[in-house]
Amino acid sequence: MAKRYVNKSGKDKDGDITKLCNGAEAWSPRKKADAISDIENKIHEYFVKWTDGQETPIKVVKGATGKYLRTQRDGSTKNNLDDLPDC
């Protein structure tokens, strides 16, 4: 399983994550549905490397309206993908 690092995220008008990005990588941008499939089928792992050196995995979460992507940096319930610059 290949490890992919994300440094930007695409968001829709409601702030929902629509894609994962890293401009230095050929796979970028990766649509949300494709990233979810990659993670669930153990094809690729996605991570955010923060400025403090911590690395957190991006996980698939099942919500009331379907599956979505999120990180839980430091055990927070906040979706830190929202903190990344737009792509």
PDB file of N, CA and C in Angstrom:
ATOM      1  N   MET A   1       0.852  -1.167   0.000  1.00  0.00           N
ATOM      2  CA  MET A   1       0.000   0.000   0.000  1.00  0.00           C
ATOM      3  C   MET A   1       0.903   1.238   0.000  1.00  0.00           C
ATOM      4  N   ALA A   2       0.686   2.104  -0.971  1.00  0.00           N
ATOM      5  CA  ALA A   2       1.502   3.311  -1.092  1.00  0.00           C
ATOM      6  C   ALA A   2       0.978   4.415  -0.176  1.00  0.00           C
ATOM      7  N   LYS A   3       1.902   5.147   0.384  1.00  0.00           N
ATOM      8  CA  LYS A   3       1.589   6.264   1.269  1.00  0.00           C
ATOM      9  C   LYS A   3       1.579   7.551   0.442  1.00  0.00           C
ATOM     10  N   ARG A   4       0.496   8.306   0.530  1.00  0.00           N
ATOM     11  CA  ARG A   4       0.370   9.560  -0.194  1.00  0.00           C
ATOM     12  C   ARG A   4       0.174  10.698   0.802  1.00  0.00           C
ATOM     13  N   TYR A   5       0.925  11.780   0.575  1.00  0.00           N
ATOM     14  CA  TYR A   5       0.825  12.944   1.454  1.00  0.00           C
ATOM     15  C   TYR A   5      -0.021  14.027   0.810  1.00  0.00           C
ATOM     16  N   VAL A   6      -0.933  14.572   1.601  1.00  0.00           N
ATOM     17  CA  VAL A   6      -1.871  15.598   1.161  1.00  0.00           C
ATOM     18  C   VAL A   6      -1.484  16.915   1.815  1.00  0.00           C
ATOM     19  N   ASN A   7      -1.420  18.003   1.031  1.00  0.00           N
ATOM     20  CA  ASN A   7      -1.122  19.311   1.619  1.00  0.00           C
ATOM     21  C   ASN A   7      -2.157  20.371   1.267  1.00  0.00           C
ATOM     22  N   LYS A   8      -3.182  19.966   0.505  1.00  0.00           N
ATOM     23  CA  LYS A   8      -4.299  20.864   0.172  1.00  0.00           C
ATOM     24  C   LYS A   8      -5.561  20.022   0.061  1.00  0.00           C
ATOM     25  N   SER A   9      -6.707  20.680   0.192  1.00  0.00           N
ATOM     26  CA  SER A   9      -7.974  19.973   0.027  1.00  0.00           C
ATOM     27  C   SER A   9      -8.961  20.849  -0.732  1.00  0.00           C
ATOM     28  N   GLY A  10      -9.756  20.205  -1.571  1.00  0.00           N
ATOM     29  CA  GLY A  10     -10.828  20.906  -2.273  1.00  0.00           C
ATOM     30  C   GLY A  10     -12.091  20.842  -1.444  1.00  0.00           C
ATOM     31  N   LYS A  11     -12.834  21.927  -1.460  1.00  0.00           N
ATOM     32  CA  LYS A  11     -14.060  21.998  -0.653  1.00  0.00           C
ATOM     33  C   LYS A  11     -15.198  22.553  -1.506  1.00  0.00           C
ATOM     34  N   ASP A  12     -16.417  22.087  -1.249  1.00  0.00           N
ATOM     35  CA  ASP A  12     -17.569  22.642  -1.950  1.00  0.00           C
ATOM     36  C   ASP A  12     -18.099  23.859  -1.191  1.00  0.00           C
ATOM     37  N   LYS A  13     -19.206  24.422  -1.667  1.00  0.00           N
ATOM     38  CA  LYS A  13     -19.754  25.651  -1.053  1.00  0.00           C
ATOM     39  C   LYS A  13     -20.162  25.460   0.404  1.00  0.00           C
ATOM     40  N   ASP A  14     -20.423  24.194   0.809  1.00  0.00           N
ATOM     41  CA  ASP A  14     -20.794  23.898   2.194  1.00  0.00           C
ATOM     42  C   ASP A  14     -19.586  23.575   3.067  1.00  0.00           C
ATOM     43  N   GLY A  15     -18.384  23.564   2.448  1.00  0.00           N
ATOM     44  CA  GLY A  15     -17.174  23.253   3.196  1.00  0.00           C
ATOM     45  C   GLY A  15     -16.847  21.770   3.254  1.00  0.00           C
ATOM     46  N   ASP A  16     -17.632  20.951   2.542  1.00  0.00           N
ATOM     47  CA  ASP A  16     -17.370  19.502   2.511  1.00  0.00           C
ATOM     48  C   ASP A  16     -16.158  19.226   1.622  1.00  0.00           C
ATOM     49  N   ILE A  17     -15.327  18.277   2.021  1.00  0.00           N
ATOM     50  CA  ILE A  17     -14.135  17.916   1.269  1.00  0.00           C
ATOM     51  C   ILE A  17     -14.549  17.187  -0.009  1.00  0.00           C
ATOM     52  N   THR A  18     -14.052  17.677  -1.156  1.00  0.00           N
ATOM     53  CA  THR A  18     -14.383  17.093  -2.453  1.00  0.00           C
ATOM     54  C   THR A  18     -13.182  16.427  -3.119  1.00  0.00           C
ATOM     55  N   LYS A  19     -11.964  16.806  -2.700  1.00  0.00           N
ATOM     56  CA  LYS A  19     -10.767  16.209  -3.284  1.00  0.00           C
ATOM     57  C   LYS A  19      -9.567  16.436  -2.379  1.00  0.00           C
ATOM     58  N   LEU A  20      -8.557  15.595  -2.577  1.00  0.00           N
ATOM     59  CA  LEU A  20      -7.291  15.694  -1.858  1.00  0.00           C
ATOM     60  C   LEU A  20      -6.219  16.067  -2.865  1.00  0.00           C
ATOM     61  N   CYS A  21      -5.275  16.915  -2.457  1.00  0.00           N
ATOM     62  CA  CYS A  21      -4.277  17.399  -3.413  1.00  0.00           C
ATOM     63  C   CYS A  21      -2.873  17.474  -2.810  1.00  0.00           C
ATOM     64  N   ASN A  22      -1.909  17.327  -3.718  1.00  0.00           N
ATOM     65  CA  ASN A  22      -0.507  17.605  -3.445  1.00  0.00           C
ATOM     66  C   ASN A  22       0.102  17.904  -4.805  1.00  0.00           C
ATOM     67  N   GLY A  23       0.319  19.176  -5.092  1.00  0.00           N
ATOM     68  CA  GLY A  23       0.762  19.622  -6.399  1.00  0.00           C
ATOM     69  C   GLY A  23       2.050  18.996  -6.886  1.00  0.00           C
ATOM     70  N   ALA A  24       2.839  18.438  -5.991  1.00  0.00           N
ATOM     71  CA  ALA A  24       4.111  17.816  -6.363  1.00  0.00           C
ATOM     72  C   ALA A  24       3.948  16.358  -6.801  1.00  0.00           C
ATOM     73  N   GLU A  25       2.725  15.832  -6.751  1.00  0.00           N
ATOM     74  CA  GLU A  25       2.495  14.415  -7.029  1.00  0.00           C
ATOM     75  C   GLU A  25       1.620  14.208  -8.273  1.00  0.00           C
ATOM     76  N   ALA A  26       1.944  13.189  -9.060  1.00  0.00           N
ATOM     77  CA  ALA A  26       1.208  12.885 -10.290  1.00  0.00           C
ATOM     78  C   ALA A  26      -0.239  12.466 -10.026  1.00  0.00           C
ATOM     79  N   TRP A  27      -0.531  11.906  -8.846  1.00  0.00           N
ATOM     80  CA  TRP A  27      -1.883  11.429  -8.541  1.00  0.00           C
ATOM     81  C   TRP A  27      -2.856  12.569  -8.220  1.00  0.00           C
ATOM     82  N   SER A  28      -2.324  13.748  -7.993  1.00  0.00           N
ATOM     83  CA  SER A  28      -3.125  14.883  -7.523  1.00  0.00           C
ATOM     84  C   SER A  28      -3.708  15.670  -8.693  1.00  0.00           C
ATOM     85  N   PRO A  29      -4.966  16.119  -8.541  1.00  0.00           N
ATOM     86  CA  PRO A  29      -5.897  15.944  -7.418  1.00  0.00           C
ATOM     87  C   PRO A  29      -6.577  14.579  -7.469  1.00  0.00           C
ATOM     88  N   ARG A  30      -7.011  14.120  -6.317  1.00  0.00           N
ATOM     89  CA  ARG A  30      -7.710  12.838  -6.195  1.00  0.00           C
ATOM     90  C   ARG A  30      -9.109  13.118  -5.675  1.00  0.00           C
ATOM     91  N   LYS A  31     -10.130  12.777  -6.457  1.00  0.00           N
ATOM     92  CA  LYS A  31     -11.517  13.004  -6.044  1.00  0.00           C
ATOM     93  C   LYS A  31     -11.833  12.226  -4.777  1.00  0.00           C
ATOM     94  N   LYS A  32     -12.746  12.770  -3.996  1.00  0.00           N
ATOM     95  CA  LYS A  32     -13.137  12.161  -2.725  1.00  0.00           C
ATOM     96  C   LYS A  32     -13.530  10.700  -2.893  1.00  0.00           C
ATOM     97  N   ALA A  33     -14.387  10.395  -3.866  1.00  0.00           N
ATOM     98  CA  ALA A  33     -14.851   9.010  -4.062  1.00  0.00           C
ATOM     99  C   ALA A  33     -13.687   8.077  -4.370  1.00  0.00           C
ATOM    100  N   ASP A  34     -12.719   8.554  -5.159  1.00  0.00           N
ATOM    101  CA  ASP A  34     -11.564   7.728  -5.503  1.00  0.00           C
ATOM    102  C   ASP A  34     -10.659   7.513  -4.288  1.00  0.00           C
ATOM    103  N   ALA A  35     -10.464   8.555  -3.491  1.00  0.00           N
ATOM    104  CA  ALA A  35      -9.645   8.436  -2.282  1.00  0.00           C
ATOM    105  C   ALA A  35     -10.312   7.479  -1.289  1.00  0.00           C
ATOM    106  N   ILE A  36     -11.622   7.566  -1.151  1.00  0.00           N
ATOM    107  CA  ILE A  36     -12.353   6.649  -0.270  1.00  0.00           C
ATOM    108  C   ILE A  36     -12.158   5.215  -0.740  1.00  0.00           C
ATOM    109  N   SER A  37     -12.282   4.989  -2.037  1.00  0.00           N
ATOM    110  CA  SER A  37     -12.081   3.648  -2.592  1.00  0.00           C
ATOM    111  C   SER A  37     -10.650   3.163  -2.351  1.00  0.00           C
ATOM    112  N   ASP A  38      -9.670   4.045  -2.561  1.00  0.00           N
ATOM    113  CA  ASP A  38      -8.267   3.688  -2.312  1.00  0.00           C
ATOM    114  C   ASP A  38      -8.056   3.223  -0.876  1.00  0.00           C
ATOM    115  N   ILE A  39      -8.612   3.969   0.068  1.00  0.00           N
ATOM    116  CA  ILE A  39      -8.432   3.669   1.492  1.00  0.00           C
ATOM    117  C   ILE A  39      -9.161   2.368   1.865  1.00  0.00           C
ATOM    118  N   GLU A  40     -10.411   2.259   1.452  1.00  0.00           N
ATOM    119  CA  GLU A  40     -11.200   1.075   1.827  1.00  0.00           C
ATOM    120  C   GLU A  40     -10.660  -0.212   1.194  1.00  0.00           C
ATOM    121  N   ASN A  41     -10.111  -0.101  -0.010  1.00  0.00           N
ATOM    122  CA  ASN A  41      -9.581  -1.278  -0.700  1.00  0.00           C
ATOM    123  C   ASN A  41      -8.088  -1.485  -0.443  1.00  0.00           C
ATOM    124  N   LYS A  42      -7.553  -0.677   0.466  1.00  0.00           N
ATOM    125  CA  LYS A  42      -6.146  -0.767   0.888  1.00  0.00           C
ATOM    126  C   LYS A  42      -5.172  -0.666  -0.288  1.00  0.00           C
ATOM    127  N   ILE A  43      -5.498   0.246  -1.213  1.00  0.00           N
ATOM    128  CA  ILE A  43      -4.634   0.513  -2.359  1.00  0.00           C
ATOM    129  C   ILE A  43      -3.617   1.589  -1.989  1.00  0.00           C
ATOM    130  N   HIS A  44      -4.109   2.658  -1.367  1.00  0.00           N
ATOM    131  CA  HIS A  44      -3.258   3.760  -0.930  1.00  0.00           C
ATOM    132  C   HIS A  44      -3.701   4.225   0.447  1.00  0.00           C
ATOM    133  N   GLU A  45      -2.747   4.769   1.199  1.00  0.00           N
ATOM    134  CA  GLU A  45      -3.026   5.453   2.454  1.00  0.00           C
ATOM    135  C   GLU A  45      -2.779   6.930   2.203  1.00  0.00           C
ATOM    136  N   TYR A  46      -3.580   7.782   2.804  1.00  0.00           N
ATOM    137  CA  TYR A  46      -3.410   9.232   2.675  1.00  0.00           C
ATOM    138  C   TYR A  46      -3.107   9.816   4.046  1.00  0.00           C
ATOM    139  N   PHE A  47      -2.151  10.730   4.075  1.00  0.00           N
ATOM    140  CA  PHE A  47      -1.710  11.352   5.319  1.00  0.00           C
ATOM    141  C   PHE A  47      -1.554  12.849   5.131  1.00  0.00           C
ATOM    142  N   VAL A  48      -1.718  13.571   6.235  1.00  0.00           N
ATOM    143  CA  VAL A  48      -1.369  14.992   6.289  1.00  0.00           C
ATOM    144  C   VAL A  48      -0.166  15.107   7.209  1.00  0.00           C
ATOM    145  N   LYS A  49       0.874  15.767   6.715  1.00  0.00           N
ATOM    146  CA  LYS A  49       2.058  16.031   7.535  1.00  0.00           C
ATOM    147  C   LYS A  49       1.957  17.501   7.956  1.00  0.00           C
ATOM    148  N   TRP A  50       1.835  17.724   9.242  1.00  0.00           N
ATOM    149  CA  TRP A  50       1.619  19.062   9.772  1.00  0.00           C
ATOM    150  C   TRP A  50       2.947  19.783   9.975  1.00  0.00           C
ATOM    151  N   THR A  51       2.889  21.098  10.130  1.00  0.00           N
ATOM    152  CA  THR A  51       4.100  21.909  10.274  1.00  0.00           C
ATOM    153  C   THR A  51       4.898  21.536  11.517  1.00  0.00           C
ATOM    154  N   ASP A  52       4.259  20.940  12.506  1.00  0.00           N
ATOM    155  CA  ASP A  52       4.979  20.540  13.722  1.00  0.00           C
ATOM    156  C   ASP A  52       5.615  19.153  13.579  1.00  0.00           C
ATOM    157  N   GLY A  53       5.531  18.561  12.371  1.00  0.00           N
ATOM    158  CA  GLY A  53       6.151  17.272  12.115  1.00  0.00           C
ATOM    159  C   GLY A  53       5.236  16.082  12.335  1.00  0.00           C
ATOM    160  N   GLN A  54       4.092  16.293  12.962  1.00  0.00           N
ATOM    161  CA  GLN A  54       3.166  15.175  13.164  1.00  0.00           C
ATOM    162  C   GLN A  54       2.583  14.743  11.829  1.00  0.00           C
ATOM    163  N   GLU A  55       2.260  13.483  11.754  1.00  0.00           N
ATOM    164  CA  GLU A  55       1.673  12.891  10.552  1.00  0.00           C
ATOM    165  C   GLU A  55       0.392  12.203  10.980  1.00  0.00           C
ATOM    166  N   THR A  56      -0.709  12.549  10.343  1.00  0.00           N
ATOM    167  CA  THR A  56      -1.973  11.932  10.730  1.00  0.00           C
ATOM    168  C   THR A  56      -2.639  11.304   9.505  1.00  0.00           C
ATOM    169  N   PRO A  57      -3.198  10.114   9.696  1.00  0.00           N
ATOM    170  CA  PRO A  57      -3.858   9.450   8.571  1.00  0.00           C
ATOM    171  C   PRO A  57      -5.213  10.092   8.269  1.00  0.00           C
ATOM    172  N   ILE A  58      -5.575  10.006   7.010  1.00  0.00           N
ATOM    173  CA  ILE A  58      -6.915  10.406   6.587  1.00  0.00           C
ATOM    174  C   ILE A  58      -7.749   9.140   6.588  1.00  0.00           C
ATOM    175  N   LYS A  59      -8.903   9.215   7.236  1.00  0.00           N
ATOM    176  CA  LYS A  59      -9.765   8.048   7.408  1.00  0.00           C
ATOM    177  C   LYS A  59     -11.096   8.254   6.704  1.00  0.00           C
ATOM    178  N   VAL A  60     -11.760   7.148   6.434  1.00  0.00           N
ATOM    179  CA  VAL A  60     -13.111   7.174   5.885  1.00  0.00           C
ATOM    180  C   VAL A  60     -14.083   7.052   7.049  1.00  0.00           C
ATOM    181  N   VAL A  61     -15.045   7.944   7.096  1.00  0.00           N
ATOM    182  CA  VAL A  61     -16.052   7.956   8.152  1.00  0.00           C
ATOM    183  C   VAL A  61     -17.424   7.830   7.501  1.00  0.00           C
ATOM    184  N   LYS A  62     -18.280   7.022   8.115  1.00  0.00           N
ATOM    185  CA  LYS A  62     -19.649   6.882   7.615  1.00  0.00           C
ATOM    186  C   LYS A  62     -20.553   7.814   8.404  1.00  0.00           C
ATOM    187  N   GLY A  63     -21.105   8.792   7.712  1.00  0.00           N
ATOM    188  CA  GLY A  63     -21.996   9.760   8.350  1.00  0.00           C
ATOM    189  C   GLY A  63     -23.429   9.536   7.922  1.00  0.00           C
ATOM    190  N   ALA A  64     -24.318  10.382   8.400  1.00  0.00           N
ATOM    191  CA  ALA A  64     -25.743  10.270   8.096  1.00  0.00           C
ATOM    192  C   ALA A  64     -26.038  10.450   6.611  1.00  0.00           C
ATOM    193  N   THR A  65     -25.177  11.219   5.923  1.00  0.00           N
ATOM    194  CA  THR A  65     -25.413  11.483   4.496  1.00  0.00           C
ATOM    195  C   THR A  65     -24.443  10.730   3.589  1.00  0.00           C
ATOM    196  N   GLY A  66     -23.706   9.790   4.132  1.00  0.00           N
ATOM    197  CA  GLY A  66     -22.774   9.008   3.328  1.00  0.00           C
ATOM    198  C   GLY A  66     -21.366   9.036   3.894  1.00  0.00           C
ATOM    199  N   LYS A  67     -20.431   8.544   3.105  1.00  0.00           N
ATOM    200  CA  LYS A  67     -19.036   8.470   3.541  1.00  0.00           C
ATOM    201  C   LYS A  67     -18.332   9.789   3.277  1.00  0.00           C
ATOM    202  N   TYR A  68     -17.385  10.098   4.169  1.00  0.00           N
ATOM    203  CA  TYR A  68     -16.566  11.279   3.967  1.00  0.00           C
ATOM    204  C   TYR A  68     -15.176  11.042   4.534  1.00  0.00           C
ATOM    205  N   LEU A  69     -14.271  11.976   4.231  1.00  0.00           N
ATOM    206  CA  LEU A  69     -12.874  11.880   4.650  1.00  0.00           C
ATOM    207  C   LEU A  69     -12.627  12.810   5.821  1.00  0.00           C
ATOM    208  N   ARG A  70     -11.789  12.346   6.759  1.00  0.00           N
ATOM    209  CA  ARG A  70     -11.448  13.206   7.897  1.00  0.00           C
ATOM    210  C   ARG A  70     -10.157  12.746   8.541  1.00  0.00           C
ATOM    211  N   THR A  71      -9.532  13.671   9.243  1.00  0.00           N
ATOM    212  CA  THR A  71      -8.411  13.343  10.119  1.00  0.00           C
ATOM    213  C   THR A  71      -8.862  13.659  11.528  1.00  0.00           C
ATOM    214  N   GLN A  72      -8.165  13.107  12.493  1.00  0.00           N
ATOM    215  CA  GLN A  72      -8.449  13.445  13.886  1.00  0.00           C
ATOM    216  C   GLN A  72      -7.132  13.760  14.559  1.00  0.00           C
ATOM    217  N   ARG A  73      -6.578  14.901  14.220  1.00  0.00           N
ATOM    218  CA  ARG A  73      -5.304  15.319  14.782  1.00  0.00           C
ATOM    219  C   ARG A  73      -5.444  15.524  16.278  1.00  0.00           C
ATOM    220  N   ASP A  74      -4.535  14.956  17.030  1.00  0.00           N
ATOM    221  CA  ASP A  74      -4.526  15.089  18.487  1.00  0.00           C
ATOM    222  C   ASP A  74      -5.821  14.629  19.136  1.00  0.00           C
ATOM    223  N   GLY A  75      -6.536  13.706  18.511  1.00  0.00           N
ATOM    224  CA  GLY A  75      -7.768  13.197  19.091  1.00  0.00           C
ATOM    225  C   GLY A  75      -8.942  14.151  18.991  1.00  0.00           C
ATOM    226  N   SER A  76      -8.787  15.244  18.276  1.00  0.00           N
ATOM    227  CA  SER A  76      -9.850  16.235  18.127  1.00  0.00           C
ATOM    228  C   SER A  76     -10.961  15.691  17.241  1.00  0.00           C
ATOM    229  N   THR A  77     -12.176  16.139  17.459  1.00  0.00           N
ATOM    230  CA  THR A  77     -13.285  15.759  16.583  1.00  0.00           C
ATOM    231  C   THR A  77     -13.390  16.706  15.402  1.00  0.00           C
ATOM    232  N   LYS A  78     -12.579  17.748  15.372  1.00  0.00           N
ATOM    233  CA  LYS A  78     -12.588  18.704  14.274  1.00  0.00           C
ATOM    234  C   LYS A  78     -11.988  18.066  13.024  1.00  0.00           C
ATOM    235  N   ASN A  79     -12.552  18.364  11.850  1.00  0.00           N
ATOM    236  CA  ASN A  79     -12.029  17.853  10.594  1.00  0.00           C
ATOM    237  C   ASN A  79     -10.887  18.740  10.148  1.00  0.00           C
ATOM    238  N   ASN A  80      -9.655  18.330  10.377  1.00  0.00           N
ATOM    239  CA  ASN A  80      -8.498  19.154  10.073  1.00  0.00           C
ATOM    240  C   ASN A  80      -8.218  19.278   8.586  1.00  0.00           C
ATOM    241  N   LEU A  81      -8.856  18.510   7.742  1.00  0.00           N
ATOM    242  CA  LEU A  81      -8.717  18.714   6.307  1.00  0.00           C
ATOM    243  C   LEU A  81      -9.247  20.088   5.922  1.00  0.00           C
ATOM    244  N   ASP A  82     -10.171  20.598   6.709  1.00  0.00           N
ATOM    245  CA  ASP A  82     -10.697  21.954   6.491  1.00  0.00           C
ATOM    246  C   ASP A  82      -9.608  23.010   6.691  1.00  0.00           C
ATOM    247  N   ASP A  83      -8.606  22.721   7.502  1.00  0.00           N
ATOM    248  CA  ASP A  83      -7.544  23.675   7.794  1.00  0.00           C
ATOM    249  C   ASP A  83      -6.522  23.801   6.676  1.00  0.00           C
ATOM    250  N   LEU A  84      -6.541  22.858   5.729  1.00  0.00           N
ATOM    251  CA  LEU A  84      -5.575  22.893   4.632  1.00  0.00           C
ATOM    252  C   LEU A  84      -5.963  23.951   3.601  1.00  0.00           C
ATOM    253  N   PRO A  85      -4.974  24.503   2.893  1.00  0.00           N
ATOM    254  CA  PRO A  85      -5.303  25.457   1.825  1.00  0.00           C
ATOM    255  C   PRO A  85      -6.142  24.785   0.739  1.00  0.00           C
ATOM    256  N   ASP A  86      -6.874  25.586   0.010  1.00  0.00           N
ATOM    257  CA  ASP A  86      -7.710  25.068  -1.078  1.00  0.00           C
ATOM    258  C   ASP A  86      -6.859  24.636  -2.270  1.00  0.00           C
ATOM    259  N   CYS A  87      -7.366  23.642  -2.965  1.00  0.00           N
ATOM    260  CA  CYS A  87      -6.712  23.229  -4.207  1.00  0.00           C
ATOM    261  C   CYS A  87      -7.701  23.259  -5.353  1.00  0.00           C
TER     262      CYS A  87
END
